[in-house]
Full PDB file with SEQRES, HELIX, SHEET, SSBOND, CRYST1, ORIGX, SCALE, CONECT and MASTER records, all heavy atoms in Angstrom:
SEQRES   1 A   42  THR THR TYR LEU PRO GLY ILE VAL GLY LEU ASN ASN ILE          
SEQRES   2 A   42  LYS ALA ASN ASP TYR ALA ASN ALA VAL LEU GLN ALA LEU          
SEQRES   3 A   42  SER ASN VAL PRO PRO LEU ARG ASN TYR PHE LEU GLU GLU          
SEQRES   4 A   42  GLU ASN TYR                                                  
HELIX    1 AA1 ASP A   17  LEU A   26  1                                  10    
HELIX    2 AA2 PRO A   30  LEU A   37  1                                   8    
HELIX    3 AA3 GLU A   39  ASN A   41  5                                   3    
CRYST1    1.000    1.000    1.000  90.00  90.00  90.00 P 1           1          
ORIGX1      1.000000  0.000000  0.000000        0.00000                         
ORIGX2      0.000000  1.000000  0.000000        0.00000                         
ORIGX3      0.000000  0.000000  1.000000        0.00000                         
SCALE1      1.000000  0.000000  0.000000        0.00000                         
SCALE2      0.000000  1.000000  0.000000        0.00000                         
SCALE3      0.000000  0.000000  1.000000        0.00000                         
ATOM      1  N   THR A   1       0.845  -1.195  -0.002  1.00  0.00           N  
ATOM      2  CA  THR A   1       0.000   0.002  -0.005  1.00  0.00           C  
ATOM      3  C   THR A   1       0.868   1.256  -0.010  1.00  0.00           C  
ATOM      4  O   THR A   1       2.025   1.228   0.460  1.00  0.00           O  
ATOM      5  CB  THR A   1      -0.929   0.045   1.243  1.00  0.00           C  
ATOM      6  OG1 THR A   1      -0.110  -0.040   2.417  1.00  0.00           O  
ATOM      7  CG2 THR A   1      -1.920  -1.124   1.224  1.00  0.00           C  
ATOM      8  N   THR A   2       0.319   2.326  -0.516  1.00  0.00           N  
ATOM      9  CA  THR A   2       1.048   3.603  -0.476  1.00  0.00           C  
ATOM     10  C   THR A   2       0.421   4.478   0.607  1.00  0.00           C  
ATOM     11  O   THR A   2      -0.765   4.351   0.893  1.00  0.00           O  
ATOM     12  CB  THR A   2       0.983   4.344  -1.832  1.00  0.00           C  
ATOM     13  OG1 THR A   2      -0.371   4.505  -2.218  1.00  0.00           O  
ATOM     14  CG2 THR A   2       1.742   3.555  -2.901  1.00  0.00           C  
ATOM     15  N   TYR A   3       1.230   5.332   1.178  1.00  0.00           N  
ATOM     16  CA  TYR A   3       0.767   6.217   2.226  1.00  0.00           C  
ATOM     17  C   TYR A   3       1.622   7.458   2.247  1.00  0.00           C  
ATOM     18  O   TYR A   3       2.741   7.492   1.734  1.00  0.00           O  
ATOM     19  CB  TYR A   3       0.763   5.525   3.576  1.00  0.00           C  
ATOM     20  CG  TYR A   3       2.148   5.219   4.125  1.00  0.00           C  
ATOM     21  CD1 TYR A   3       2.775   6.081   5.043  1.00  0.00           C  
ATOM     22  CD2 TYR A   3       2.855   4.098   3.683  1.00  0.00           C  
ATOM     23  CE1 TYR A   3       4.031   5.807   5.517  1.00  0.00           C  
ATOM     24  CE2 TYR A   3       4.111   3.813   4.187  1.00  0.00           C  
ATOM     25  CZ  TYR A   3       4.685   4.667   5.086  1.00  0.00           C  
ATOM     26  OH  TYR A   3       5.931   4.407   5.560  1.00  0.00           O  
ATOM     27  N   LEU A   4       1.140   8.486   2.838  1.00  0.00           N  
ATOM     28  CA  LEU A   4       1.860   9.750   3.041  1.00  0.00           C  
ATOM     29  C   LEU A   4       2.317   9.766   4.496  1.00  0.00           C  
ATOM     30  O   LEU A   4       1.498   9.738   5.430  1.00  0.00           O  
ATOM     31  CB  LEU A   4       0.952  10.931   2.747  1.00  0.00           C  
ATOM     32  CG  LEU A   4       1.596  12.281   2.532  1.00  0.00           C  
ATOM     33  CD1 LEU A   4       2.588  12.234   1.400  1.00  0.00           C  
ATOM     34  CD2 LEU A   4       0.520  13.324   2.260  1.00  0.00           C  
ATOM     35  N   PRO A   5       3.629   9.740   4.770  1.00  0.00           N  
ATOM     36  CA  PRO A   5       4.095   9.805   6.167  1.00  0.00           C  
ATOM     37  C   PRO A   5       3.414  10.941   6.935  1.00  0.00           C  
ATOM     38  O   PRO A   5       3.313  12.047   6.393  1.00  0.00           O  
ATOM     39  CB  PRO A   5       5.596   9.962   6.032  1.00  0.00           C  
ATOM     40  CG  PRO A   5       5.958   9.358   4.721  1.00  0.00           C  
ATOM     41  CD  PRO A   5       4.753   9.694   3.848  1.00  0.00           C  
ATOM     42  N   GLY A   6       2.966  10.643   8.111  1.00  0.00           N  
ATOM     43  CA  GLY A   6       2.271  11.635   8.932  1.00  0.00           C  
ATOM     44  C   GLY A   6       0.764  11.537   8.719  1.00  0.00           C  
ATOM     45  O   GLY A   6      -0.011  11.971   9.617  1.00  0.00           O  
ATOM     46  N   ILE A   7       0.330  10.966   7.633  1.00  0.00           N  
ATOM     47  CA  ILE A   7      -1.102  10.767   7.372  1.00  0.00           C  
ATOM     48  C   ILE A   7      -1.315   9.256   7.363  1.00  0.00           C  
ATOM     49  O   ILE A   7      -1.495   8.626   6.336  1.00  0.00           O  
ATOM     50  CB  ILE A   7      -1.547  11.378   6.017  1.00  0.00           C  
ATOM     51  CG1 ILE A   7      -1.032  12.788   5.866  1.00  0.00           C  
ATOM     52  CG2 ILE A   7      -3.066  11.311   5.860  1.00  0.00           C  
ATOM     53  CD1 ILE A   7      -1.584  13.795   6.896  1.00  0.00           C  
ATOM     54  N   VAL A   8      -1.244   8.678   8.542  1.00  0.00           N  
ATOM     55  CA  VAL A   8      -1.264   7.246   8.693  1.00  0.00           C  
ATOM     56  C   VAL A   8      -2.365   6.900   9.680  1.00  0.00           C  
ATOM     57  O   VAL A   8      -2.568   7.609  10.657  1.00  0.00           O  
ATOM     58  CB  VAL A   8       0.095   6.737   9.257  1.00  0.00           C  
ATOM     59  CG1 VAL A   8       0.103   5.263   9.525  1.00  0.00           C  
ATOM     60  CG2 VAL A   8       1.230   7.119   8.314  1.00  0.00           C  
ATOM     61  N   GLY A   9      -3.065   5.802   9.449  1.00  0.00           N  
ATOM     62  CA  GLY A   9      -4.124   5.418  10.320  1.00  0.00           C  
ATOM     63  C   GLY A   9      -3.596   4.884  11.645  1.00  0.00           C  
ATOM     64  O   GLY A   9      -2.515   4.373  11.730  1.00  0.00           O  
ATOM     65  N   LEU A  10      -4.424   5.063  12.692  1.00  0.00           N  
ATOM     66  CA  LEU A  10      -4.106   4.520  14.003  1.00  0.00           C  
ATOM     67  C   LEU A  10      -5.114   3.416  14.288  1.00  0.00           C  
ATOM     68  O   LEU A  10      -6.340   3.603  14.116  1.00  0.00           O  
ATOM     69  CB  LEU A  10      -4.193   5.589  15.095  1.00  0.00           C  
ATOM     70  CG  LEU A  10      -3.036   6.604  15.136  1.00  0.00           C  
ATOM     71  CD1 LEU A  10      -3.368   7.731  16.117  1.00  0.00           C  
ATOM     72  CD2 LEU A  10      -1.751   5.937  15.529  1.00  0.00           C  
ATOM     73  N   ASN A  11      -4.632   2.270  14.750  1.00  0.00           N  
ATOM     74  CA  ASN A  11      -5.526   1.123  15.048  1.00  0.00           C  
ATOM     75  C   ASN A  11      -6.517   1.516  16.125  1.00  0.00           C  
ATOM     76  O   ASN A  11      -6.153   2.199  17.116  1.00  0.00           O  
ATOM     77  CB  ASN A  11      -4.752  -0.082  15.517  1.00  0.00           C  
ATOM     78  CG  ASN A  11      -3.902  -0.656  14.399  1.00  0.00           C  
ATOM     79  OD1 ASN A  11      -3.996  -0.284  13.247  1.00  0.00           O  
ATOM     80  ND2 ASN A  11      -3.078  -1.643  14.774  1.00  0.00           N  
ATOM     81  N   ASN A  12      -7.743   1.069  15.994  1.00  0.00           N  
ATOM     82  CA  ASN A  12      -8.754   1.238  17.029  1.00  0.00           C  
ATOM     83  C   ASN A  12      -8.762  -0.049  17.861  1.00  0.00           C  
ATOM     84  O   ASN A  12      -9.164  -1.086  17.381  1.00  0.00           O  
ATOM     85  CB  ASN A  12     -10.118   1.486  16.395  1.00  0.00           C  
ATOM     86  CG  ASN A  12     -11.072   2.119  17.385  1.00  0.00           C  
ATOM     87  OD1 ASN A  12     -10.686   2.492  18.485  1.00  0.00           O  
ATOM     88  ND2 ASN A  12     -12.364   2.160  17.039  1.00  0.00           N  
ATOM     89  N   ILE A  13      -8.254   0.050  19.100  1.00  0.00           N  
ATOM     90  CA  ILE A  13      -8.055  -1.130  19.923  1.00  0.00           C  
ATOM     91  C   ILE A  13      -9.354  -1.516  20.632  1.00  0.00           C  
ATOM     92  O   ILE A  13      -9.815  -2.626  20.575  1.00  0.00           O  
ATOM     93  CB  ILE A  13      -6.911  -0.925  20.910  1.00  0.00           C  
ATOM     94  CG1 ILE A  13      -5.630  -0.711  20.126  1.00  0.00           C  
ATOM     95  CG2 ILE A  13      -6.794  -2.085  21.876  1.00  0.00           C  
ATOM     96  CD1 ILE A  13      -4.505  -0.130  20.865  1.00  0.00           C  
ATOM     97  N   LYS A  14      -9.994  -0.588  21.271  1.00  0.00           N  
ATOM     98  CA  LYS A  14     -11.295  -0.790  21.918  1.00  0.00           C  
ATOM     99  C   LYS A  14     -12.115   0.447  21.631  1.00  0.00           C  
ATOM    100  O   LYS A  14     -12.620   0.612  20.536  1.00  0.00           O  
ATOM    101  CB  LYS A  14     -11.161  -1.017  23.420  1.00  0.00           C  
ATOM    102  CG  LYS A  14     -10.490  -2.298  23.836  1.00  0.00           C  
ATOM    103  CD  LYS A  14     -11.461  -3.429  23.850  1.00  0.00           C  
ATOM    104  CE  LYS A  14     -10.757  -4.686  24.360  1.00  0.00           C  
ATOM    105  NZ  LYS A  14     -11.614  -5.837  24.394  1.00  0.00           N  
ATOM    106  N   ALA A  15     -12.226   1.346  22.639  1.00  0.00           N  
ATOM    107  CA  ALA A  15     -12.969   2.562  22.449  1.00  0.00           C  
ATOM    108  C   ALA A  15     -12.026   3.771  22.478  1.00  0.00           C  
ATOM    109  O   ALA A  15     -12.234   4.738  23.176  1.00  0.00           O  
ATOM    110  CB  ALA A  15     -14.067   2.708  23.560  1.00  0.00           C  
ATOM    111  N   ASN A  16     -10.977   3.681  21.687  1.00  0.00           N  
ATOM    112  CA  ASN A  16      -9.936   4.730  21.771  1.00  0.00           C  
ATOM    113  C   ASN A  16      -9.958   5.654  20.542  1.00  0.00           C  
ATOM    114  O   ASN A  16      -9.016   6.369  20.320  1.00  0.00           O  
ATOM    115  CB  ASN A  16      -8.546   4.123  21.941  1.00  0.00           C  
ATOM    116  CG  ASN A  16      -8.171   3.218  20.777  1.00  0.00           C  
ATOM    117  OD1 ASN A  16      -8.768   2.180  20.590  1.00  0.00           O  
ATOM    118  ND2 ASN A  16      -7.179   3.631  20.002  1.00  0.00           N  
ATOM    119  N   ASP A  17     -11.046   5.660  19.778  1.00  0.00           N  
ATOM    120  CA  ASP A  17     -11.057   6.469  18.583  1.00  0.00           C  
ATOM    121  C   ASP A  17     -10.993   7.970  18.930  1.00  0.00           C  
ATOM    122  O   ASP A  17     -10.384   8.763  18.168  1.00  0.00           O  
ATOM    123  CB  ASP A  17     -12.333   6.196  17.739  1.00  0.00           C  
ATOM    124  CG  ASP A  17     -13.610   6.172  18.548  1.00  0.00           C  
ATOM    125  OD1 ASP A  17     -13.563   5.830  19.716  1.00  0.00           O  
ATOM    126  OD2 ASP A  17     -14.662   6.479  17.979  1.00  0.00           O  
ATOM    127  N   TYR A  18     -11.527   8.371  20.079  1.00  0.00           N  
ATOM    128  CA  TYR A  18     -11.414   9.759  20.516  1.00  0.00           C  
ATOM    129  C   TYR A  18      -9.956  10.138  20.749  1.00  0.00           C  
ATOM    130  O   TYR A  18      -9.513  11.201  20.320  1.00  0.00           O  
ATOM    131  CB  TYR A  18     -12.198   9.942  21.808  1.00  0.00           C  
ATOM    132  CG  TYR A  18     -11.613   9.215  22.975  1.00  0.00           C  
ATOM    133  CD1 TYR A  18     -10.756   9.846  23.907  1.00  0.00           C  
ATOM    134  CD2 TYR A  18     -11.902   7.849  23.176  1.00  0.00           C  
ATOM    135  CE1 TYR A  18     -10.181   9.157  24.914  1.00  0.00           C  
ATOM    136  CE2 TYR A  18     -11.295   7.176  24.232  1.00  0.00           C  
ATOM    137  CZ  TYR A  18     -10.460   7.799  25.084  1.00  0.00           C  
ATOM    138  OH  TYR A  18      -9.873   7.102  26.132  1.00  0.00           O  
ATOM    139  N   ALA A  19      -9.193   9.240  21.354  1.00  0.00           N  
ATOM    140  CA  ALA A  19      -7.756   9.520  21.609  1.00  0.00           C  
ATOM    141  C   ALA A  19      -6.983   9.503  20.311  1.00  0.00           C  
ATOM    142  O   ALA A  19      -6.091  10.337  20.130  1.00  0.00           O  
ATOM    143  CB  ALA A  19      -7.211   8.470  22.599  1.00  0.00           C  
ATOM    144  N   ASN A  20      -7.349   8.618  19.381  1.00  0.00           N  
ATOM    145  CA  ASN A  20      -6.694   8.580  18.080  1.00  0.00           C  
ATOM    146  C   ASN A  20      -6.799   9.919  17.361  1.00  0.00           C  
ATOM    147  O   ASN A  20      -5.861  10.375  16.744  1.00  0.00           O  
ATOM    148  CB  ASN A  20      -7.230   7.435  17.210  1.00  0.00           C  
ATOM    149  CG  ASN A  20      -6.782   6.074  17.646  1.00  0.00           C  
ATOM    150  OD1 ASN A  20      -5.984   5.986  18.584  1.00  0.00           O  
ATOM    151  ND2 ASN A  20      -7.257   5.059  17.019  1.00  0.00           N  
ATOM    152  N   ALA A  21      -7.995  10.523  17.432  1.00  0.00           N  
ATOM    153  CA  ALA A  21      -8.221  11.806  16.752  1.00  0.00           C  
ATOM    154  C   ALA A  21      -7.322  12.870  17.363  1.00  0.00           C  
ATOM    155  O   ALA A  21      -6.720  13.675  16.628  1.00  0.00           O  
ATOM    156  CB  ALA A  21      -9.690  12.204  16.847  1.00  0.00           C  
ATOM    157  N   VAL A  22      -7.207  12.870  18.669  1.00  0.00           N  
ATOM    158  CA  VAL A  22      -6.357  13.875  19.368  1.00  0.00           C  
ATOM    159  C   VAL A  22      -4.885  13.632  18.994  1.00  0.00           C  
ATOM    160  O   VAL A  22      -4.145  14.561  18.656  1.00  0.00           O  
ATOM    161  CB  VAL A  22      -6.559  13.799  20.861  1.00  0.00           C  
ATOM    162  CG1 VAL A  22      -5.532  14.648  21.608  1.00  0.00           C  
ATOM    163  CG2 VAL A  22      -7.952  14.241  21.259  1.00  0.00           C  
ATOM    164  N   LEU A  23      -4.437  12.368  18.999  1.00  0.00           N  
ATOM    165  CA  LEU A  23      -3.063  12.056  18.649  1.00  0.00           C  
ATOM    166  C   LEU A  23      -2.746  12.426  17.215  1.00  0.00           C  
ATOM    167  O   LEU A  23      -1.659  12.945  16.907  1.00  0.00           O  
ATOM    168  CB  LEU A  23      -2.758  10.562  18.924  1.00  0.00           C  
ATOM    169  CG  LEU A  23      -2.773  10.161  20.387  1.00  0.00           C  
ATOM    170  CD1 LEU A  23      -2.776   8.638  20.501  1.00  0.00           C  
ATOM    171  CD2 LEU A  23      -1.609  10.752  21.131  1.00  0.00           C  
ATOM    172  N   GLN A  24      -3.682  12.163  16.304  1.00  0.00           N  
ATOM    173  CA  GLN A  24      -3.480  12.557  14.900  1.00  0.00           C  
ATOM    174  C   GLN A  24      -3.315  14.053  14.780  1.00  0.00           C  
ATOM    175  O   GLN A  24      -2.455  14.539  14.034  1.00  0.00           O  
ATOM    176  CB  GLN A  24      -4.670  12.085  14.039  1.00  0.00           C  
ATOM    177  CG  GLN A  24      -4.716  10.609  13.811  1.00  0.00           C  
ATOM    178  CD  GLN A  24      -3.731  10.146  12.722  1.00  0.00           C  
ATOM    179  OE1 GLN A  24      -2.837  10.846  12.299  1.00  0.00           O  
ATOM    180  NE2 GLN A  24      -3.897   8.912  12.333  1.00  0.00           N  
ATOM    181  N   ALA A  25      -4.163  14.826  15.444  1.00  0.00           N  
ATOM    182  CA  ALA A  25      -4.087  16.277  15.387  1.00  0.00           C  
ATOM    183  C   ALA A  25      -2.737  16.759  15.941  1.00  0.00           C  
ATOM    184  O   ALA A  25      -2.076  17.609  15.299  1.00  0.00           O  
ATOM    185  CB  ALA A  25      -5.259  16.897  16.162  1.00  0.00           C  
ATOM    186  N   LEU A  26      -2.336  16.239  17.119  1.00  0.00           N  
ATOM    187  CA  LEU A  26      -1.063  16.671  17.706  1.00  0.00           C  
ATOM    188  C   LEU A  26       0.123  16.325  16.802  1.00  0.00           C  
ATOM    189  O   LEU A  26       1.103  17.056  16.740  1.00  0.00           O  
ATOM    190  CB  LEU A  26      -0.900  16.030  19.081  1.00  0.00           C  
ATOM    191  CG  LEU A  26      -1.827  16.521  20.155  1.00  0.00           C  
ATOM    192  CD1 LEU A  26      -1.662  15.701  21.450  1.00  0.00           C  
ATOM    193  CD2 LEU A  26      -1.616  18.017  20.447  1.00  0.00           C  
ATOM    194  N   SER A  27       0.031  15.188  16.113  1.00  0.00           N  
ATOM    195  CA  SER A  27       1.170  14.747  15.255  1.00  0.00           C  
ATOM    196  C   SER A  27       1.351  15.632  14.059  1.00  0.00           C  
ATOM    197  O   SER A  27       2.350  15.538  13.364  1.00  0.00           O  
ATOM    198  CB  SER A  27       0.960  13.302  14.829  1.00  0.00           C  
ATOM    199  OG  SER A  27      -0.029  13.213  13.794  1.00  0.00           O  
ATOM    200  N   ASN A  28       0.395  16.527  13.769  1.00  0.00           N  
ATOM    201  CA  ASN A  28       0.509  17.396  12.622  1.00  0.00           C  
ATOM    202  C   ASN A  28       0.682  18.848  13.003  1.00  0.00           C  
ATOM    203  O   ASN A  28       0.446  19.756  12.200  1.00  0.00           O  
ATOM    204  CB  ASN A  28      -0.706  17.185  11.700  1.00  0.00           C  
ATOM    205  CG  ASN A  28      -0.555  15.942  10.881  1.00  0.00           C  
ATOM    206  OD1 ASN A  28       0.158  15.924   9.889  1.00  0.00           O  
ATOM    207  ND2 ASN A  28      -1.147  14.844  11.326  1.00  0.00           N  
ATOM    208  N   VAL A  29       1.084  19.107  14.259  1.00  0.00           N  
ATOM    209  CA  VAL A  29       1.473  20.459  14.700  1.00  0.00           C  
ATOM    210  C   VAL A  29       2.984  20.499  14.556  1.00  0.00           C  
ATOM    211  O   VAL A  29       3.727  19.915  15.323  1.00  0.00           O  
ATOM    212  CB  VAL A  29       1.036  20.682  16.171  1.00  0.00           C  
ATOM    213  CG1 VAL A  29       1.527  22.050  16.649  1.00  0.00           C  
ATOM    214  CG2 VAL A  29      -0.454  20.574  16.297  1.00  0.00           C  
ATOM    215  N   PRO A  30       3.488  21.185  13.491  1.00  0.00           N  
ATOM    216  CA  PRO A  30       4.913  21.110  13.134  1.00  0.00           C  
ATOM    217  C   PRO A  30       5.925  21.319  14.306  1.00  0.00           C  
ATOM    218  O   PRO A  30       6.823  20.493  14.448  1.00  0.00           O  
ATOM    219  CB  PRO A  30       5.091  22.136  12.048  1.00  0.00           C  
ATOM    220  CG  PRO A  30       3.749  22.115  11.357  1.00  0.00           C  
ATOM    221  CD  PRO A  30       2.746  21.977  12.475  1.00  0.00           C  
ATOM    222  N   PRO A  31       5.790  22.353  15.125  1.00  0.00           N  
ATOM    223  CA  PRO A  31       6.806  22.521  16.190  1.00  0.00           C  
ATOM    224  C   PRO A  31       6.802  21.348  17.173  1.00  0.00           C  
ATOM    225  O   PRO A  31       7.865  20.881  17.610  1.00  0.00           O  
ATOM    226  CB  PRO A  31       6.417  23.830  16.903  1.00  0.00           C  
ATOM    227  CG  PRO A  31       5.546  24.556  15.931  1.00  0.00           C  
ATOM    228  CD  PRO A  31       4.857  23.516  15.111  1.00  0.00           C  
ATOM    229  N   LEU A  32       5.622  20.867  17.540  1.00  0.00           N  
ATOM    230  CA  LEU A  32       5.513  19.753  18.441  1.00  0.00           C  
ATOM    231  C   LEU A  32       6.044  18.457  17.790  1.00  0.00           C  
ATOM    232  O   LEU A  32       6.873  17.761  18.371  1.00  0.00           O  
ATOM    233  CB  LEU A  32       4.049  19.549  18.835  1.00  0.00           C  
ATOM    234  CG  LEU A  32       3.725  18.514  19.870  1.00  0.00           C  
ATOM    235  CD1 LEU A  32       4.316  18.927  21.219  1.00  0.00           C  
ATOM    236  CD2 LEU A  32       2.231  18.325  20.014  1.00  0.00           C  
ATOM    237  N   ARG A  33       5.639  18.213  16.557  1.00  0.00           N  
ATOM    238  CA  ARG A  33       6.135  17.060  15.797  1.00  0.00           C  
ATOM    239  C   ARG A  33       7.638  17.054  15.663  1.00  0.00           C  
ATOM    240  O   ARG A  33       8.313  16.069  15.943  1.00  0.00           O  
ATOM    241  CB  ARG A  33       5.467  17.058  14.405  1.00  0.00           C  
ATOM    242  CG  ARG A  33       6.042  15.996  13.455  1.00  0.00           C  
ATOM    243  CD  ARG A  33       5.801  16.344  12.018  1.00  0.00           C  
ATOM    244  NE  ARG A  33       6.556  17.532  11.649  1.00  0.00           N  
ATOM    245  CZ  ARG A  33       6.251  18.270  10.563  1.00  0.00           C  
ATOM    246  NH1 ARG A  33       5.207  17.988   9.810  1.00  0.00           N  
ATOM    247  NH2 ARG A  33       6.967  19.314  10.266  1.00  0.00           N  
ATOM    248  N   ASN A  34       8.200  18.197  15.293  1.00  0.00           N  
ATOM    249  CA  ASN A  34       9.637  18.304  15.034  1.00  0.00           C  
ATOM    250  C   ASN A  34      10.426  18.016  16.314  1.00  0.00           C  
ATOM    251  O   ASN A  34      11.456  17.389  16.288  1.00  0.00           O  
ATOM    252  CB  ASN A  34       9.980  19.645  14.465  1.00  0.00           C  
ATOM    253  CG  ASN A  34       9.404  19.887  13.103  1.00  0.00           C  
ATOM    254  OD1 ASN A  34       8.805  18.974  12.478  1.00  0.00           O  
ATOM    255  ND2 ASN A  34       9.523  21.090  12.588  1.00  0.00           N  
ATOM    256  N   TYR A  35       9.932  18.538  17.446  1.00  0.00           N  
ATOM    257  CA  TYR A  35      10.575  18.310  18.727  1.00  0.00           C  
ATOM    258  C   TYR A  35      10.633  16.807  19.036  1.00  0.00           C  
ATOM    259  O   TYR A  35      11.677  16.290  19.422  1.00  0.00           O  
ATOM    260  CB  TYR A  35       9.858  19.066  19.827  1.00  0.00           C  
ATOM    261  CG  TYR A  35      10.484  18.893  21.203  1.00  0.00           C  
ATOM    262  CD1 TYR A  35      11.592  19.620  21.572  1.00  0.00           C  
ATOM    263  CD2 TYR A  35       9.951  17.964  22.086  1.00  0.00           C  
ATOM    264  CE1 TYR A  35      12.198  19.431  22.834  1.00  0.00           C  
ATOM    265  CE2 TYR A  35      10.559  17.781  23.356  1.00  0.00           C  
ATOM    266  CZ  TYR A  35      11.652  18.511  23.704  1.00  0.00           C  
ATOM    267  OH  TYR A  35      12.223  18.317  24.947  1.00  0.00           O  
ATOM    268  N   PHE A  36       9.518  16.123  18.861  1.00  0.00           N  
ATOM    269  CA  PHE A  36       9.452  14.714  19.243  1.00  0.00           C  
ATOM    270  C   PHE A  36      10.043  13.744  18.221  1.00  0.00           C  
ATOM    271  O   PHE A  36      10.354  12.615  18.572  1.00  0.00           O  
ATOM    272  CB  PHE A  36       7.994  14.327  19.559  1.00  0.00           C  
ATOM    273  CG  PHE A  36       7.568  14.774  20.921  1.00  0.00           C  
ATOM    274  CD1 PHE A  36       6.863  15.925  21.098  1.00  0.00           C  
ATOM    275  CD2 PHE A  36       7.932  14.041  22.060  1.00  0.00           C  
ATOM    276  CE1 PHE A  36       6.506  16.357  22.378  1.00  0.00           C  
ATOM    277  CE2 PHE A  36       7.593  14.457  23.314  1.00  0.00           C  
ATOM    278  CZ  PHE A  36       6.857  15.626  23.487  1.00  0.00           C  
ATOM    279  N   LEU A  37      10.228  14.196  16.986  1.00  0.00           N  
ATOM    280  CA  LEU A  37      10.863  13.306  16.005  1.00  0.00           C  
ATOM    281  C   LEU A  37      12.320  13.085  16.325  1.00  0.00           C  
ATOM    282  O   LEU A  37      12.920  12.076  15.928  1.00  0.00           O  
ATOM    283  CB  LEU A  37      10.691  13.865  14.603  1.00  0.00           C  
ATOM    284  CG  LEU A  37       9.295  13.744  14.002  1.00  0.00           C  
ATOM    285  CD1 LEU A  37       9.282  14.341  12.589  1.00  0.00           C  
ATOM    286  CD2 LEU A  37       8.802  12.331  13.982  1.00  0.00           C  
ATOM    287  N   GLU A  38      12.958  14.036  17.024  1.00  0.00           N  
ATOM    288  CA  GLU A  38      14.372  13.922  17.360  1.00  0.00           C  
ATOM    289  C   GLU A  38      14.463  13.554  18.852  1.00  0.00           C  
ATOM    290  O   GLU A  38      14.355  14.416  19.729  1.00  0.00           O  
ATOM    291  CB  GLU A  38      15.094  15.241  17.054  1.00  0.00           C  
ATOM    292  CG  GLU A  38      16.494  15.047  16.645  1.00  0.00           C  
ATOM    293  CD  GLU A  38      17.143  16.299  16.103  1.00  0.00           C  
ATOM    294  OE1 GLU A  38      16.402  17.221  15.682  1.00  0.00           O  
ATOM    295  OE2 GLU A  38      18.362  16.376  16.147  1.00  0.00           O  
ATOM    296  N   GLU A  39      14.649  12.280  19.130  1.00  0.00           N  
ATOM    297  CA  GLU A  39      14.664  11.784  20.509  1.00  0.00           C  
ATOM    298  C   GLU A  39      15.687  12.479  21.389  1.00  0.00           C  
ATOM    299  O   GLU A  39      15.487  12.634  22.609  1.00  0.00           O  
ATOM    300  CB  GLU A  39      14.855  10.286  20.504  1.00  0.00           C  
ATOM    301  CG  GLU A  39      14.618   9.653  21.858  1.00  0.00           C  
ATOM    302  CD  GLU A  39      14.781   8.144  21.848  1.00  0.00           C  
ATOM    303  OE1 GLU A  39      15.195   7.581  20.802  1.00  0.00           O  
ATOM    304  OE2 GLU A  39      14.526   7.529  22.872  1.00  0.00           O  
ATOM    305  N   GLU A  40      16.786  12.926  20.817  1.00  0.00           N  
ATOM    306  CA  GLU A  40      17.815  13.577  21.588  1.00  0.00           C  
ATOM    307  C   GLU A  40      17.301  14.872  22.288  1.00  0.00           C  
ATOM    308  O   GLU A  40      17.869  15.332  23.285  1.00  0.00           O  
ATOM    309  CB  GLU A  40      18.991  13.966  20.662  1.00  0.00           C  
ATOM    310  CG  GLU A  40      19.941  12.804  20.416  1.00  0.00           C  
ATOM    311  CD  GLU A  40      20.536  12.193  21.671  1.00  0.00           C  
ATOM    312  OE1 GLU A  40      21.048  12.916  22.527  1.00  0.00           O  
ATOM    313  OE2 GLU A  40      20.451  10.955  21.796  1.00  0.00           O  
ATOM    314  N   ASN A  41      16.228  15.472  21.788  1.00  0.00           N  
ATOM    315  CA  ASN A  41      15.664  16.653  22.385  1.00  0.00           C  
ATOM    316  C   ASN A  41      15.193  16.461  23.831  1.00  0.00           C  
ATOM    317  O   ASN A  41      15.199  17.366  24.628  1.00  0.00           O  
ATOM    318  CB  ASN A  41      14.460  17.202  21.571  1.00  0.00           C  
ATOM    319  CG  ASN A  41      14.907  17.824  20.267  1.00  0.00           C  
ATOM    320  OD1 ASN A  41      16.035  18.306  20.127  1.00  0.00           O  
ATOM    321  ND2 ASN A  41      14.037  17.798  19.278  1.00  0.00           N  
ATOM    322  N   TYR A  42      14.749  15.235  24.138  1.00  0.00           N  
ATOM    323  CA  TYR A  42      14.172  14.979  25.484  1.00  0.00           C  
ATOM    324  C   TYR A  42      14.740  13.733  26.178  1.00  0.00           C  
ATOM    325  O   TYR A  42      14.331  13.464  27.293  1.00  0.00           O  
ATOM    326  CB  TYR A  42      12.672  14.906  25.395  1.00  0.00           C  
ATOM    327  CG  TYR A  42      12.183  13.856  24.416  1.00  0.00           C  
ATOM    328  CD1 TYR A  42      11.967  12.560  24.828  1.00  0.00           C  
ATOM    329  CD2 TYR A  42      11.923  14.184  23.095  1.00  0.00           C  
ATOM    330  CE1 TYR A  42      11.531  11.567  23.922  1.00  0.00           C  
ATOM    331  CE2 TYR A  42      11.477  13.225  22.193  1.00  0.00           C  
ATOM    332  CZ  TYR A  42      11.291  11.927  22.625  1.00  0.00           C  
ATOM    333  OH  TYR A  42      10.862  10.975  21.744  1.00  0.00           O  
TER     334      TYR A  42                                                      
MASTER        0    0    0    3    0    0    0    6  333    1    0    4          
END                                                                             
């Protein structure tokens, strides 16, 4: 399958679709994303 990095589905384990939506939104906030992509930052 083809995909766009950063636009990737999150598995729904039980009733966590609400959390998945929040995590997806946070993962596309560039300053936050950039900080966490480089583990050495923290």
